[in-house]
Protein backbone atom coordinates (compact mmCIF):
# COMPACT_ATOMS: atom_id res chain seq x y z
CA UNK A 1 8.68 -5.29 -21.61
CA UNK A 2 6.37 -6.96 -19.09
CA UNK A 3 3.09 -5.40 -18.02
CA UNK A 4 3.75 -2.85 -15.28
CA UNK A 5 7.53 -3.05 -15.63
CA UNK A 6 7.92 0.50 -16.98
CA UNK A 7 8.97 2.72 -14.01
CA UNK A 8 6.74 5.57 -15.24
CA UNK A 9 3.77 3.21 -15.43
CA UNK A 10 4.52 1.93 -11.92
CA UNK A 11 4.68 5.51 -10.61
CA UNK A 12 1.26 6.13 -12.14
CA UNK A 13 -0.14 3.06 -10.37
CA UNK A 14 1.35 4.17 -7.05
CA UNK A 15 -0.05 7.69 -7.49
CA UNK A 16 -3.51 6.31 -8.28
CA UNK A 17 -3.35 3.99 -5.26
CA UNK A 18 -2.26 6.84 -2.98
CA UNK A 19 -5.01 9.14 -4.24
CA UNK A 20 -7.59 6.36 -3.83
CA UNK A 21 -6.42 5.66 -0.27
CA UNK A 22 -6.54 9.37 0.69
CA UNK A 23 -10.00 9.77 -0.85
CA UNK A 24 -11.32 6.71 0.99
CA UNK A 25 -9.99 8.02 4.31
CA UNK A 26 -11.60 11.40 3.70
CA UNK A 27 -14.93 9.82 2.78
CA UNK A 28 -14.91 7.69 5.94
CA UNK A 29 -13.99 10.74 8.05
CA UNK A 30 -16.85 12.72 6.50
CA UNK A 31 -19.29 9.86 7.12
CA UNK A 32 -18.25 9.54 10.77
CA UNK A 33 -18.45 13.27 11.41
CA UNK A 34 -21.50 14.17 9.36
CA UNK A 35 -23.69 11.08 9.39
CA UNK A 36 -22.55 9.55 12.66
CA UNK A 37 -22.11 12.73 14.71
CA UNK A 38 -18.65 11.49 15.68
CA UNK A 39 -15.12 12.77 15.47
CA UNK A 40 -12.35 11.46 13.25
CA UNK A 41 -8.87 12.46 12.19
CA UNK A 42 -6.70 11.29 9.35
CA UNK A 43 -3.17 10.50 10.44
CA UNK A 44 -0.24 11.56 8.30
CA UNK A 45 0.82 8.71 6.03
CA UNK A 46 3.96 6.78 6.81
CA UNK A 47 5.63 5.31 3.77
CA UNK A 48 8.24 2.60 4.02
CA UNK A 49 10.23 1.81 0.93
CA UNK A 50 10.58 -1.87 0.16
CA UNK A 51 12.98 -3.79 -1.99
CA UNK A 52 10.85 -4.72 -5.00
CA UNK A 53 13.10 -7.65 -5.91
CA UNK A 54 12.83 -9.05 -2.36
CA UNK A 55 9.02 -8.84 -2.51
CA UNK A 56 8.96 -10.69 -5.83
CA UNK A 57 11.28 -13.34 -4.38
CA UNK A 58 9.04 -13.78 -1.34
CA UNK A 59 5.82 -13.95 -3.34
CA UNK A 60 7.20 -16.49 -5.78
CA UNK A 61 8.94 -18.64 -3.17
CA UNK A 62 7.94 -22.20 -2.34
CA UNK A 63 9.44 -21.94 1.15
CA UNK A 64 7.30 -22.07 4.29
CA UNK A 65 6.36 -18.82 6.03
CA UNK A 66 8.93 -19.23 8.82
CA UNK A 67 11.78 -19.54 6.33
CA UNK A 68 10.54 -16.54 4.34
CA UNK A 69 10.39 -14.40 7.48
CA UNK A 70 13.93 -15.37 8.49
CA UNK A 71 15.16 -14.47 5.00
CA UNK A 72 13.75 -10.95 5.37
CA UNK A 73 15.78 -10.06 8.45
């Protein structure tokens, strides 16, 4: 089994990434409001599911960017 290919392991990575992203947004909001005397809001996240196989194909392709974009539509 390849590194990161276990679905449970991938879920863990995604959860860590999401928690890191939320924490970073909160820290920036706190800094703006408390240290910068400004106002900030954190927008609700919008998640878009992607086809993992298509992403791998795109990232490993030798085609030019225009051809890759047309293959995604």
